[in-house]
C-alpha atoms as a PDB file:
ATOM      1  CA  MET A   1      25.667  23.006 -17.663  1.00  0.00           C
ATOM      2  CA  THR A   2      27.536  21.446 -14.744  1.00  0.00           C
ATOM      3  CA  VAL A   3      30.899  19.730 -15.036  1.00  0.00           C
ATOM      4  CA  HIS A   4      29.294  16.344 -14.230  1.00  0.00           C
ATOM      5  CA  SER A   5      26.668  16.641 -16.963  1.00  0.00           C
ATOM      6  CA  ALA A   6      29.304  17.874 -19.410  1.00  0.00           C
ATOM      7  CA  VAL A   7      31.480  14.844 -18.717  1.00  0.00           C
ATOM      8  CA  ILE A   8      28.497  12.497 -19.144  1.00  0.00           C
ATOM      9  CA  ARG A   9      27.599  14.159 -22.430  1.00  0.00           C
ATOM     10  CA  LEU A  10      31.178  13.893 -23.657  1.00  0.00           C
ATOM     11  CA  LEU A  11      31.363  10.216 -22.727  1.00  0.00           C
ATOM     12  CA  SER A  12      28.124   9.536 -24.597  1.00  0.00           C
ATOM     13  CA  TRP A  13      29.854  10.581 -27.818  1.00  0.00           C
ATOM     14  CA  LEU A  14      32.666   8.067 -27.418  1.00  0.00           C
ATOM     15  CA  PRO A  15      32.494   4.905 -29.562  1.00  0.00           C
ATOM     16  CA  THR A  16      31.361   1.626 -27.993  1.00  0.00           C
ATOM     17  CA  PRO A  17      33.198  -1.068 -29.954  1.00  0.00           C
ATOM     18  CA  LEU A  18      32.563  -3.791 -27.345  1.00  0.00           C
ATOM     19  CA  ASP A  19      28.746  -3.708 -27.629  1.00  0.00           C
ATOM     20  CA  PRO A  20      28.629  -6.872 -29.794  1.00  0.00           C
ATOM     21  CA  VAL A  21      30.396  -8.846 -27.033  1.00  0.00           C
ATOM     22  CA  ARG A  22      27.682 -10.649 -25.029  1.00  0.00           C
ATOM     23  CA  SER A  23      29.703 -11.403 -21.870  1.00  0.00           C
ATOM     24  CA  ILE A  24      30.640  -8.731 -19.359  1.00  0.00           C
ATOM     25  CA  LYS A  25      33.644 -10.806 -18.306  1.00  0.00           C
ATOM     26  CA  ALA A  26      34.848 -10.848 -21.877  1.00  0.00           C
ATOM     27  CA  LYS A  27      34.310  -7.100 -22.108  1.00  0.00           C
ATOM     28  CA  LEU A  28      36.338  -6.514 -18.949  1.00  0.00           C
ATOM     29  CA  SER A  29      39.063  -8.812 -20.229  1.00  0.00           C
ATOM     30  CA  LEU A  30      39.228  -7.104 -23.603  1.00  0.00           C
ATOM     31  CA  ALA A  31      39.112  -3.626 -22.103  1.00  0.00           C
ATOM     32  CA  LEU A  32      41.887  -4.322 -19.637  1.00  0.00           C
ATOM     33  CA  GLY A  33      43.812  -6.294 -22.258  1.00  0.00           C
ATOM     34  CA  PHE A  34      43.728  -3.417 -24.737  1.00  0.00           C
ATOM     35  CA  ALA A  35      44.620  -0.891 -22.049  1.00  0.00           C
ATOM     36  CA  GLY A  36      47.430  -3.037 -20.646  1.00  0.00           C
ATOM     37  CA  GLY A  37      48.632  -3.955 -24.105  1.00  0.00           C
ATOM     38  CA  ALA A  38      48.821  -0.326 -25.183  1.00  0.00           C
ATOM     39  CA  GLY A  39      50.830   0.550 -22.088  1.00  0.00           C
ATOM     40  CA  LEU A  40      53.061  -2.484 -22.528  1.00  0.00           C
ATOM     41  CA  LEU A  41      53.797  -1.593 -26.138  1.00  0.00           C
ATOM     42  CA  VAL A  42      54.852   1.913 -25.155  1.00  0.00           C
ATOM     43  CA  PHE A  43      57.020   0.494 -22.409  1.00  0.00           C
ATOM     44  CA  LEU A  44      58.619  -2.079 -24.678  1.00  0.00           C
ATOM     45  CA  TRP A  45      59.227   0.482 -27.356  1.00  0.00           C
ATOM     46  CA  SER A  46      61.039   2.680 -24.854  1.00  0.00           C
ATOM     47  CA  ILE A  47      63.434  -0.166 -23.914  1.00  0.00           C
ATOM     48  CA  ASP A  48      63.994  -1.468 -27.401  1.00  0.00           C
ATOM     49  CA  PHE A  49      61.077  -3.756 -28.308  1.00  0.00           C
ATOM     50  CA  TYR A  50      63.051  -6.187 -30.422  1.00  0.00           C
ATOM     51  CA  ARG A  51      65.212  -7.387 -27.536  1.00  0.00           C
ATOM     52  CA  VAL A  52      62.198  -8.779 -25.623  1.00  0.00           C
ATOM     53  CA  ASP A  53      61.134 -12.407 -26.054  1.00  0.00           C
ATOM     54  CA  LEU A  54      57.640 -12.393 -27.605  1.00  0.00           C
ATOM     55  CA  LEU A  55      56.862 -15.841 -26.140  1.00  0.00           C
ATOM     56  CA  TRP A  56      57.006 -14.539 -22.595  1.00  0.00           C
ATOM     57  CA  ILE A  57      54.779 -11.644 -23.570  1.00  0.00           C
ATOM     58  CA  ALA A  58      52.177 -14.080 -24.932  1.00  0.00           C
ATOM     59  CA  ILE A  59      52.396 -16.238 -21.790  1.00  0.00           C
ATOM     60  CA  ALA A  60      51.967 -13.197 -19.549  1.00  0.00           C
ATOM     61  CA  ALA A  61      48.966 -12.004 -21.578  1.00  0.00           C
ATOM     62  CA  ALA A  62      47.318 -15.445 -21.405  1.00  0.00           C
ATOM     63  CA  LEU A  63      47.856 -15.713 -17.647  1.00  0.00           C
ATOM     64  CA  GLY A  64      46.470 -12.190 -17.212  1.00  0.00           C
ATOM     65  CA  LEU A  65      43.320 -13.036 -19.140  1.00  0.00           C
ATOM     66  CA  VAL A  66      42.758 -16.250 -17.174  1.00  0.00           C
ATOM     67  CA  THR A  67      43.293 -14.442 -13.877  1.00  0.00           C
ATOM     68  CA  LEU A  68      40.872 -11.703 -14.925  1.00  0.00           C
ATOM     69  CA  GLN A  69      38.215 -14.250 -15.881  1.00  0.00           C
ATOM     70  CA  VAL A  70      38.494 -15.956 -12.478  1.00  0.00           C
ATOM     71  CA  MET A  71      38.453 -12.686 -10.534  1.00  0.00           C
ATOM     72  CA  ALA A  72      35.537 -11.263 -12.545  1.00  0.00           C
ATOM     73  CA  HIS A  73      33.410 -14.367 -11.988  1.00  0.00           C
ATOM     74  CA  GLY A  74      32.230 -13.254  -8.542  1.00  0.00           C
ATOM     75  CA  ALA A  75      31.322  -9.801  -9.843  1.00  0.00           C
ATOM     76  CA  THR A  76      29.169 -11.123 -12.675  1.00  0.00           C
ATOM     77  CA  VAL A  77      27.285 -13.872 -10.793  1.00  0.00           C
ATOM     78  CA  PRO A  78      24.713 -11.411  -9.312  1.00  0.00           C
ATOM     79  CA  LEU A  79      24.096  -9.978 -12.779  1.00  0.00           C
ATOM     80  CA  ARG A  80      23.363 -13.432 -14.177  1.00  0.00           C
ATOM     81  CA  GLU A  81      21.083 -14.181 -11.223  1.00  0.00           C
ATOM     82  CA  MET A  82      19.226 -10.917 -11.826  1.00  0.00           C
ATOM     83  CA  THR A  83      18.667 -11.926 -15.442  1.00  0.00           C
ATOM     84  CA  VAL A  84      17.184 -15.259 -14.369  1.00  0.00           C
ATOM     85  CA  ALA A  85      15.095 -13.624 -11.643  1.00  0.00           C
ATOM     86  CA  ALA A  86      13.788 -10.960 -14.029  1.00  0.00           C
ATOM     87  CA  ARG A  87      12.640 -13.632 -16.468  1.00  0.00           C
ATOM     88  CA  ALA A  88      10.953 -15.496 -13.605  1.00  0.00           C
ATOM     89  CA  MET A  89       9.220 -12.268 -12.504  1.00  0.00           C
ATOM     90  CA  ALA A  90       7.894 -11.840 -16.040  1.00  0.00           C
ATOM     91  CA  ARG A  91       6.181 -15.223 -15.541  1.00  0.00           C
ATOM     92  CA  GLY A  92       4.710 -14.128 -12.208  1.00  0.00           C
ATOM     93  CA  ASP A  93       7.288 -15.656  -9.851  1.00  0.00           C
ATOM     94  CA  TYR A  94       8.383 -12.990  -7.334  1.00  0.00           C
ATOM     95  CA  THR A  95      10.097 -15.345  -4.874  1.00  0.00           C
ATOM     96  CA  ARG A  96      13.620 -15.220  -6.304  1.00  0.00           C
ATOM     97  CA  ARG A  97      16.206 -13.098  -4.506  1.00  0.00           C
ATOM     98  CA  ILE A  98      19.785 -12.147  -5.384  1.00  0.00           C
ATOM     99  CA  ARG A  99      22.458 -13.303  -2.926  1.00  0.00           C
ATOM    100  CA  THR A 100      25.623 -11.217  -2.822  1.00  0.00           C
ATOM    101  CA  ARG A 101      28.012  -9.845  -0.222  1.00  0.00           C
ATOM    102  CA  SER A 102      29.503  -7.304  -2.571  1.00  0.00           C
ATOM    103  CA  ARG A 103      29.459  -3.662  -1.458  1.00  0.00           C
ATOM    104  CA  ASP A 104      30.141  -2.123  -4.850  1.00  0.00           C
ATOM    105  CA  GLU A 105      27.673  -0.865  -7.462  1.00  0.00           C
ATOM    106  CA  VAL A 106      26.688  -4.434  -8.360  1.00  0.00           C
ATOM    107  CA  GLY A 107      25.863  -5.129  -4.698  1.00  0.00           C
ATOM    108  CA  GLU A 108      23.745  -1.969  -4.507  1.00  0.00           C
ATOM    109  CA  LEU A 109      21.975  -2.989  -7.691  1.00  0.00           C
ATOM    110  CA  ALA A 110      21.271  -6.437  -6.214  1.00  0.00           C
ATOM    111  CA  SER A 111      19.842  -4.880  -3.037  1.00  0.00           C
ATOM    112  CA  ALA A 112      17.636  -2.556  -5.087  1.00  0.00           C
ATOM    113  CA  PHE A 113      16.515  -5.529  -7.193  1.00  0.00           C
ATOM    114  CA  ASN A 114      15.577  -7.525  -4.084  1.00  0.00           C
ATOM    115  CA  GLN A 115      13.602  -4.579  -2.705  1.00  0.00           C
ATOM    116  CA  MET A 116      11.792  -4.192  -6.017  1.00  0.00           C
ATOM    117  CA  ALA A 117      10.967  -7.913  -6.067  1.00  0.00           C
ATOM    118  CA  ALA A 118       9.599  -7.724  -2.510  1.00  0.00           C
ATOM    119  CA  ASP A 119       7.444  -4.696  -3.379  1.00  0.00           C
ATOM    120  CA  LEU A 120       6.114  -6.383  -6.507  1.00  0.00           C
ATOM    121  CA  ALA A 121       5.348  -9.543  -4.532  1.00  0.00           C
ATOM    122  CA  ALA A 122       3.428  -7.523  -1.930  1.00  0.00           C
ATOM    123  CA  ALA A 123       1.521  -5.640  -4.627  1.00  0.00           C
ATOM    124  CA  ASP A 124       0.656  -8.876  -6.415  1.00  0.00           C
ATOM    125  CA  GLN A 125      -0.527 -10.439  -3.146  1.00  0.00           C
ATOM    126  CA  GLN A 126      -2.701  -7.397  -2.411  1.00  0.00           C
ATOM    127  CA  ARG A 127      -4.145  -7.579  -5.908  1.00  0.00           C
ATOM    128  CA  ARG A 128      -5.012 -11.258  -5.505  1.00  0.00           C
ATOM    129  CA  GLU A 129      -6.556 -10.659  -2.078  1.00  0.00           C
ATOM    130  CA  LEU A 130      -8.546  -7.709  -3.399  1.00  0.00           C
ATOM    131  CA  ILE A 131      -9.975  -9.754  -6.264  1.00  0.00           C
ATOM    132  CA  ALA A 132     -10.836 -12.648  -3.936  1.00  0.00           C
ATOM    133  CA  ASN A 133     -12.400 -10.399  -1.298  1.00  0.00           C
ATOM    134  CA  VAL A 134     -14.410  -8.348  -3.778  1.00  0.00           C
ATOM    135  CA  SER A 135     -15.663 -11.538  -5.436  1.00  0.00           C
ATOM    136  CA  HIS A 136     -16.703 -12.907  -2.053  1.00  0.00           C
ATOM    137  CA  GLU A 137     -18.400  -9.680  -0.985  1.00  0.00           C
ATOM    138  CA  LEU A 138     -20.290  -9.415  -4.275  1.00  0.00           C
ATOM    139  CA  ARG A 139     -21.317 -13.067  -4.328  1.00  0.00           C
ATOM    140  CA  THR A 140     -23.160 -12.978  -0.982  1.00  0.00           C
ATOM    141  CA  PRO A 141     -25.774 -10.272  -1.754  1.00  0.00           C
ATOM    142  CA  ILE A 142     -26.073 -11.320  -5.412  1.00  0.00           C
ATOM    143  CA  THR A 143     -26.796 -14.930  -4.396  1.00  0.00           C
ATOM    144  CA  ALA A 144     -29.374 -13.836  -1.828  1.00  0.00           C
ATOM    145  CA  LEU A 145     -31.012 -11.439  -4.266  1.00  0.00           C
ATOM    146  CA  GLN A 146     -31.033 -14.008  -7.047  1.00  0.00           C
ATOM    147  CA  GLY A 147     -32.597 -16.659  -4.806  1.00  0.00           C
ATOM    148  CA  LEU A 148     -35.319 -14.262  -3.649  1.00  0.00           C
ATOM    149  CA  LEU A 149     -36.184 -13.163  -7.186  1.00  0.00           C
ATOM    150  CA  GLU A 150     -36.229 -16.763  -8.444  1.00  0.00           C
ATOM    151  CA  ASN A 151     -38.671 -17.703  -5.702  1.00  0.00           C
ATOM    152  CA  ILE A 152     -40.929 -14.808  -6.665  1.00  0.00           C
ATOM    153  CA  VAL A 153     -40.768 -15.665 -10.392  1.00  0.00           C
ATOM    154  CA  ASP A 154     -41.454 -19.368  -9.711  1.00  0.00           C
ATOM    155  CA  GLY A 155     -44.399 -18.508  -7.479  1.00  0.00           C
ATOM    156  CA  VAL A 156     -42.799 -19.976  -4.367  1.00  0.00           C
ATOM    157  CA  ALA A 157     -42.834 -16.569  -2.657  1.00  0.00           C
ATOM    158  CA  GLU A 158     -45.071 -13.565  -3.032  1.00  0.00           C
ATOM    159  CA  PRO A 159     -43.751 -10.051  -3.655  1.00  0.00           C
ATOM    160  CA  GLU A 160     -44.751  -8.986  -0.166  1.00  0.00           C
ATOM    161  CA  PRO A 161     -43.270  -5.957   1.623  1.00  0.00           C
ATOM    162  CA  ALA A 162     -41.042  -8.206   3.732  1.00  0.00           C
ATOM    163  CA  ALA A 163     -39.539  -9.886   0.648  1.00  0.00           C
ATOM    164  CA  MET A 164     -39.078  -6.557  -1.091  1.00  0.00           C
ATOM    165  CA  SER A 165     -37.437  -5.173   2.032  1.00  0.00           C
ATOM    166  CA  THR A 166     -34.928  -8.040   1.954  1.00  0.00           C
ATOM    167  CA  ALA A 167     -34.209  -7.406  -1.717  1.00  0.00           C
ATOM    168  CA  LEU A 168     -33.762  -3.699  -1.009  1.00  0.00           C
ATOM    169  CA  ALA A 169     -31.320  -4.443   1.812  1.00  0.00           C
ATOM    170  CA  GLN A 170     -29.200  -6.596  -0.507  1.00  0.00           C
ATOM    171  CA  THR A 171     -29.133  -3.940  -3.235  1.00  0.00           C
ATOM    172  CA  GLN A 172     -28.151  -1.346  -0.631  1.00  0.00           C
ATOM    173  CA  ARG A 173     -25.311  -3.591   0.467  1.00  0.00           C
ATOM    174  CA  LEU A 174     -24.126  -3.843  -3.139  1.00  0.00           C
ATOM    175  CA  SER A 175     -24.365  -0.073  -3.479  1.00  0.00           C
ATOM    176  CA  ARG A 176     -22.273   0.473  -0.324  1.00  0.00           C
ATOM    177  CA  LEU A 177     -19.617  -1.932  -1.578  1.00  0.00           C
ATOM    178  CA  VAL A 178     -19.382  -0.254  -4.983  1.00  0.00           C
ATOM    179  CA  THR A 179     -19.234   3.194  -3.372  1.00  0.00           C
ATOM    180  CA  ASP A 180     -16.494   2.114  -0.966  1.00  0.00           C
ATOM    181  CA  LEU A 181     -14.471   0.556  -3.785  1.00  0.00           C
ATOM    182  CA  LEU A 182     -14.739   3.728  -5.864  1.00  0.00           C
ATOM    183  CA  ASP A 183     -13.678   5.857  -2.884  1.00  0.00           C
ATOM    184  CA  LEU A 184     -10.741   3.552  -2.195  1.00  0.00           C
ATOM    185  CA  SER A 185      -9.584   3.623  -5.814  1.00  0.00           C
ATOM    186  CA  ARG A 186      -9.714   7.426  -5.825  1.00  0.00           C
ATOM    187  CA  LEU A 187      -7.752   7.603  -2.596  1.00  0.00           C
ATOM    188  CA  ASP A 188      -5.154   5.159  -3.918  1.00  0.00           C
ATOM    189  CA  ALA A 189      -4.804   7.204  -7.095  1.00  0.00           C
ATOM    190  CA  GLY A 190      -4.476  10.425  -5.096  1.00  0.00           C
ATOM    191  CA  VAL A 191      -7.211  12.154  -7.105  1.00  0.00           C
ATOM    192  CA  VAL A 192      -9.320  13.206  -4.125  1.00  0.00           C
ATOM    193  CA  PRO A 193      -8.593  16.877  -3.425  1.00  0.00           C
ATOM    194  CA  LEU A 194      -9.294  18.102   0.092  1.00  0.00           C
ATOM    195  CA  ARG A 195     -11.392  21.188   0.592  1.00  0.00           C
ATOM    196  CA  GLN A 196     -10.686  23.582   3.421  1.00  0.00           C
ATOM    197  CA  ASP A 197     -13.945  24.224   5.235  1.00  0.00           C
ATOM    198  CA  VAL A 198     -14.354  25.903   8.591  1.00  0.00           C
ATOM    199  CA  ILE A 199     -16.163  23.270  10.658  1.00  0.00           C
ATOM    200  CA  ASP A 200     -18.013  24.034  13.859  1.00  0.00           C
ATOM    201  CA  VAL A 201     -17.315  20.902  15.880  1.00  0.00           C
ATOM    202  CA  PRO A 202     -20.521  20.699  18.042  1.00  0.00           C
ATOM    203  CA  GLU A 203     -22.758  21.352  15.039  1.00  0.00           C
ATOM    204  CA  PHE A 204     -20.785  18.886  12.933  1.00  0.00           C
ATOM    205  CA  LEU A 205     -21.110  16.130  15.554  1.00  0.00           C
ATOM    206  CA  ASP A 206     -24.822  16.814  16.090  1.00  0.00           C
ATOM    207  CA  ASP A 207     -25.533  16.465  12.357  1.00  0.00           C
ATOM    208  CA  ALA A 208     -23.580  13.214  12.086  1.00  0.00           C
ATOM    209  CA  VAL A 209     -25.204  11.736  15.213  1.00  0.00           C
ATOM    210  CA  ARG A 210     -28.683  12.741  14.044  1.00  0.00           C
ATOM    211  CA  GLU A 211     -28.141  10.919  10.746  1.00  0.00           C
ATOM    212  CA  ALA A 212     -26.675   7.867  12.496  1.00  0.00           C
ATOM    213  CA  ALA A 213     -29.611   7.709  14.919  1.00  0.00           C
ATOM    214  CA  MET A 214     -32.076   7.611  12.018  1.00  0.00           C
ATOM    215  CA  ASN A 215     -30.237   4.669  10.442  1.00  0.00           C
ATOM    216  CA  ALA A 216     -29.638   2.800  13.716  1.00  0.00           C
ATOM    217  CA  GLY A 217     -33.229   2.761  14.953  1.00  0.00           C
ATOM    218  CA  PRO A 218     -34.586   3.099  18.474  1.00  0.00           C
ATOM    219  CA  ASP A 219     -32.512   0.283  20.024  1.00  0.00           C
ATOM    220  CA  VAL A 220     -29.337   2.378  20.253  1.00  0.00           C
ATOM    221  CA  ARG A 221     -28.912   5.703  22.017  1.00  0.00           C
ATOM    222  CA  PHE A 222     -26.316   8.343  21.240  1.00  0.00           C
ATOM    223  CA  ALA A 223     -24.619  10.760  23.625  1.00  0.00           C
ATOM    224  CA  VAL A 224     -22.543  13.730  22.432  1.00  0.00           C
ATOM    225  CA  SER A 225     -20.072  15.790  24.427  1.00  0.00           C
ATOM    226  CA  ALA A 226     -18.158  18.540  22.619  1.00  0.00           C
ATOM    227  CA  PRO A 227     -16.938  22.012  23.624  1.00  0.00           C
ATOM    228  CA  GLY A 228     -17.284  24.976  21.345  1.00  0.00           C
ATOM    229  CA  MET A 229     -14.404  24.947  18.825  1.00  0.00           C
ATOM    230  CA  VAL A 230     -13.755  25.006  15.108  1.00  0.00           C
ATOM    231  CA  ILE A 231     -11.356  23.077  12.893  1.00  0.00           C
ATOM    232  CA  SER A 232     -10.317  23.358   9.269  1.00  0.00           C
ATOM    233  CA  GLY A 233     -10.774  20.407   6.925  1.00  0.00           C
ATOM    234  CA  ASP A 234     -12.882  18.734   4.275  1.00  0.00           C
ATOM    235  CA  ARG A 235     -16.338  18.587   5.842  1.00  0.00           C
ATOM    236  CA  GLU A 236     -17.686  15.925   3.488  1.00  0.00           C
ATOM    237  CA  ARG A 237     -14.751  13.562   3.952  1.00  0.00           C
ATOM    238  CA  LEU A 238     -14.644  14.002   7.720  1.00  0.00           C
ATOM    239  CA  HIS A 239     -18.397  13.385   7.848  1.00  0.00           C
ATOM    240  CA  GLN A 240     -17.731  10.138   5.961  1.00  0.00           C
ATOM    241  CA  VAL A 241     -15.220   9.116   8.643  1.00  0.00           C
ATOM    242  CA  LEU A 242     -17.547   9.923  11.540  1.00  0.00           C
ATOM    243  CA  ALA A 243     -20.569   8.323   9.856  1.00  0.00           C
ATOM    244  CA  ASN A 244     -18.615   5.098   9.398  1.00  0.00           C
ATOM    245  CA  LEU A 245     -17.458   5.055  13.024  1.00  0.00           C
ATOM    246  CA  LEU A 246     -20.982   5.732  14.296  1.00  0.00           C
ATOM    247  CA  ASP A 247     -22.488   3.085  12.013  1.00  0.00           C
ATOM    248  CA  ASN A 248     -19.973   0.483  13.227  1.00  0.00           C
ATOM    249  CA  ALA A 249     -20.567   1.441  16.861  1.00  0.00           C
ATOM    250  CA  ALA A 250     -24.358   1.234  16.466  1.00  0.00           C
ATOM    251  CA  ARG A 251     -24.229  -2.161  14.738  1.00  0.00           C
ATOM    252  CA  HIS A 252     -21.993  -3.660  17.418  1.00  0.00           C
ATOM    253  CA  SER A 253     -23.772  -2.190  20.415  1.00  0.00           C
ATOM    254  CA  PRO A 254     -26.237  -4.377  22.344  1.00  0.00           C
ATOM    255  CA  PRO A 255     -29.965  -3.489  22.336  1.00  0.00           C
ATOM    256  CA  GLY A 256     -30.449  -0.509  24.596  1.00  0.00           C
ATOM    257  CA  GLY A 257     -26.748   0.334  24.468  1.00  0.00           C
ATOM    258  CA  THR A 258     -25.295   3.808  24.201  1.00  0.00           C
ATOM    259  CA  VAL A 259     -22.794   5.124  21.696  1.00  0.00           C
ATOM    260  CA  THR A 260     -20.779   7.993  23.136  1.00  0.00           C
ATOM    261  CA  VAL A 261     -19.116  10.653  21.002  1.00  0.00           C
ATOM    262  CA  ARG A 262     -16.612  12.881  22.806  1.00  0.00           C
ATOM    263  CA  ALA A 263     -14.515  15.747  21.481  1.00  0.00           C
ATOM    264  CA  GLU A 264     -11.878  17.749  23.311  1.00  0.00           C
ATOM    265  CA  ARG A 265      -8.926  19.947  22.546  1.00  0.00           C
ATOM    266  CA  ARG A 266      -5.404  18.616  23.152  1.00  0.00           C
ATOM    267  CA  ASP A 267      -2.794  21.282  22.469  1.00  0.00           C
ATOM    268  CA  GLU A 268      -3.196  22.086  18.762  1.00  0.00           C
ATOM    269  CA  HIS A 269      -5.261  18.996  17.993  1.00  0.00           C
ATOM    270  CA  LEU A 270      -8.874  17.877  18.157  1.00  0.00           C
ATOM    271  CA  LEU A 271      -9.258  14.550  19.958  1.00  0.00           C
ATOM    272  CA  LEU A 272     -12.432  12.777  18.843  1.00  0.00           C
ATOM    273  CA  ALA A 273     -13.519   9.500  20.463  1.00  0.00           C
ATOM    274  CA  VAL A 274     -16.351   7.131  19.492  1.00  0.00           C
ATOM    275  CA  VAL A 275     -17.136   4.526  22.159  1.00  0.00           C
ATOM    276  CA  ASP A 276     -19.708   1.723  22.067  1.00  0.00           C
ATOM    277  CA  GLN A 277     -20.783  -0.892  24.611  1.00  0.00           C
ATOM    278  CA  GLY A 278     -20.241  -3.974  22.467  1.00  0.00           C
ATOM    279  CA  VAL A 279     -17.808  -6.839  22.883  1.00  0.00           C
ATOM    280  CA  GLY A 280     -14.869  -4.710  21.798  1.00  0.00           C
ATOM    281  CA  ILE A 281     -11.898  -5.603  19.614  1.00  0.00           C
ATOM    282  CA  PRO A 282      -9.101  -7.878  20.884  1.00  0.00           C
ATOM    283  CA  ALA A 283      -5.736  -6.178  21.216  1.00  0.00           C
ATOM    284  CA  ALA A 284      -4.223  -8.390  18.508  1.00  0.00           C
ATOM    285  CA  GLU A 285      -6.859  -7.252  16.004  1.00  0.00           C
ATOM    286  CA  ARG A 286      -6.830  -3.506  16.718  1.00  0.00           C
ATOM    287  CA  GLU A 287      -4.352  -2.608  14.011  1.00  0.00           C
ATOM    288  CA  ARG A 288      -5.674  -5.057  11.424  1.00  0.00           C
ATOM    289  CA  VAL A 289      -9.223  -3.659  11.464  1.00  0.00           C
ATOM    290  CA  PHE A 290      -7.948  -0.714   9.424  1.00  0.00           C
ATOM    291  CA  GLU A 291      -6.815  -3.028   6.639  1.00  0.00           C
ATOM    292  CA  ARG A 292      -9.040  -3.641   3.662  1.00  0.00           C
ATOM    293  CA  PHE A 293     -11.782  -6.262   4.049  1.00  0.00           C
ATOM    294  CA  THR A 294     -10.833  -6.861   7.683  1.00  0.00           C
ATOM    295  CA  ARG A 295     -13.566  -6.817  10.316  1.00  0.00           C
ATOM    296  CA  GLY A 296     -11.763  -8.380  13.254  1.00  0.00           C
ATOM    297  CA  GLU A 297     -13.659 -10.873  15.382  1.00  0.00           C
ATOM    298  CA  ARG A 298     -16.759  -8.735  15.735  1.00  0.00           C
ATOM    299  CA  ALA A 299     -19.903  -9.636  13.856  1.00  0.00           C
ATOM    300  CA  ALA A 300     -19.966  -8.518  10.265  1.00  0.00           C
ATOM    301  CA  GLY A 301     -23.452  -7.027  10.445  1.00  0.00           C
ATOM    302  CA  GLY A 302     -23.557  -6.196   6.741  1.00  0.00           C
ATOM    303  CA  GLY A 303     -20.374  -4.108   6.595  1.00  0.00           C
ATOM    304  CA  THR A 304     -18.107  -4.169   3.572  1.00  0.00           C
ATOM    305  CA  GLY A 305     -14.820  -4.274   5.466  1.00  0.00           C
ATOM    306  CA  LEU A 306     -13.630  -1.142   3.663  1.00  0.00           C
ATOM    307  CA  GLY A 307     -15.044   1.640   5.831  1.00  0.00           C
ATOM    308  CA  LEU A 308     -12.224   1.792   8.372  1.00  0.00           C
ATOM    309  CA  ALA A 309      -9.594   1.552   5.633  1.00  0.00           C
ATOM    310  CA  ILE A 310     -11.166   4.568   3.934  1.00  0.00           C
ATOM    311  CA  ALA A 311     -11.445   6.353   7.284  1.00  0.00           C
ATOM    312  CA  ARG A 312      -7.730   5.906   7.927  1.00  0.00           C
ATOM    313  CA  TRP A 313      -6.894   7.278   4.475  1.00  0.00           C
ATOM    314  CA  VAL A 314      -9.048  10.366   5.011  1.00  0.00           C
ATOM    315  CA  VAL A 315      -7.638  11.035   8.482  1.00  0.00           C
ATOM    316  CA  GLN A 316      -4.068  10.641   7.232  1.00  0.00           C
ATOM    317  CA  MET A 317      -4.812  13.031   4.372  1.00  0.00           C
ATOM    318  CA  HIS A 318      -5.763  15.550   7.082  1.00  0.00           C
ATOM    319  CA  ARG A 319      -2.381  14.873   8.758  1.00  0.00           C
ATOM    320  CA  GLY A 320      -4.117  13.127  11.630  1.00  0.00           C
ATOM    321  CA  SER A 321      -4.202   9.640  13.099  1.00  0.00           C
ATOM    322  CA  ILE A 322      -6.838   7.050  13.980  1.00  0.00           C
ATOM    323  CA  ALA A 323      -6.472   4.068  16.293  1.00  0.00           C
ATOM    324  CA  VAL A 324      -8.351   1.603  18.467  1.00  0.00           C
ATOM    325  CA  VAL A 325      -7.330   2.337  22.053  1.00  0.00           C
ATOM    326  CA  GLU A 326      -7.928   0.570  25.345  1.00  0.00           C
ATOM    327  CA  PRO A 327     -11.574   1.007  26.425  1.00  0.00           C
ATOM    328  CA  ASP A 328     -12.394   2.943  29.580  1.00  0.00           C
ATOM    329  CA  GLY A 329     -14.317   0.026  31.094  1.00  0.00           C
ATOM    330  CA  ASP A 330     -14.252  -3.743  30.723  1.00  0.00           C
ATOM    331  CA  ARG A 331     -16.195  -3.803  27.447  1.00  0.00           C
ATOM    332  CA  GLY A 332     -16.714  -1.813  24.318  1.00  0.00           C
ATOM    333  CA  CYS A 333     -14.688  -0.470  21.433  1.00  0.00           C
ATOM    334  CA  HIS A 334     -12.914   2.864  21.789  1.00  0.00           C
ATOM    335  CA  ILE A 335     -11.769   4.453  18.501  1.00  0.00           C
ATOM    336  CA  GLN A 336      -9.847   7.689  18.758  1.00  0.00           C
ATOM    337  CA  VAL A 337      -9.263  10.202  15.963  1.00  0.00           C
ATOM    338  CA  ARG A 338      -6.662  12.945  16.301  1.00  0.00           C
ATOM    339  CA  LEU A 339      -6.889  15.893  13.879  1.00  0.00           C
ATOM    340  CA  PRO A 340      -4.884  19.123  13.697  1.00  0.00           C
ATOM    341  CA  LEU A 341      -6.860  22.307  14.339  1.00  0.00           C
ATOM    342  CA  HIS A 342      -4.907  24.243  11.729  1.00  0.00           C
ATOM    343  CA  PRO A 343      -5.393  23.742   7.949  1.00  0.00           C
ATOM    344  CA  CYS A 344      -3.811  20.584   6.526  1.00  0.00           C
ATOM    345  CA  SER A 345      -2.382  22.236   3.416  1.00  0.00           C
END
């Protein structure tokens, strides 16, 4: 047991007679009054107590208490404000802040309280935005699917392959949204362990591009350029990142456009780039596209707005980075992923 912990344990055994007092100023006054009074009594006893005028002692004690109350007022104001702010936070109001210029423990407590209030306000805002965005994303395919099924039941439309294809597309959109939300909740909770697979980069890119080409159709071409190298990482999660980037690039490429996938080694990192020939992303939107339910100014095209947020989480879990960089030409979107070649754990 350390000296500090021993002192704390010893102090915890001491009596606390001032607990019933509900004002910290009164507690300070009483504590200092008792301490000063005990010292004064010893002093007076040493100089012959009975020769001292008791009236002046009472006047001095009263002035001391009044002075202490005035001086302690500034120290207790932040504590009272924190009490009011905490009660307001319990009602959902996170806008209150504690104003103090004190540099003591009370000032540090006020700063910590303000930081906590700001974090809670941001978390509450994210929660509200998440509920609103999820409700909006769910409402669109459900409304379309409901309208189609009502028309079929009422006899307005026939269950033809085209109508069934539309219904299937809407259910697939719902499935993608639910899957993305589950992935995001797992990533937020930190319950997604990363496997360490040895990944052959050219083979990995070829498999991802082959799958993306099947989903994109014949209107979009894919070009792959990758030297022979291997990296260590979670193959399934990295495939999820690349599949999302390729799907976005294919959806935003013009008919007959080409999506280029390039990989190269930079020092001890793998630099992976996915480039399309679409309208690109404005510079002001390039950081925001990695936020949840943000698609920038490009066409939605059926996306959930969660894919790039999940991609950033996965890349960061691999100790890498992902960003939208300046395109090589005048048009297109250029997304660059940087991953370490060595294991991430």
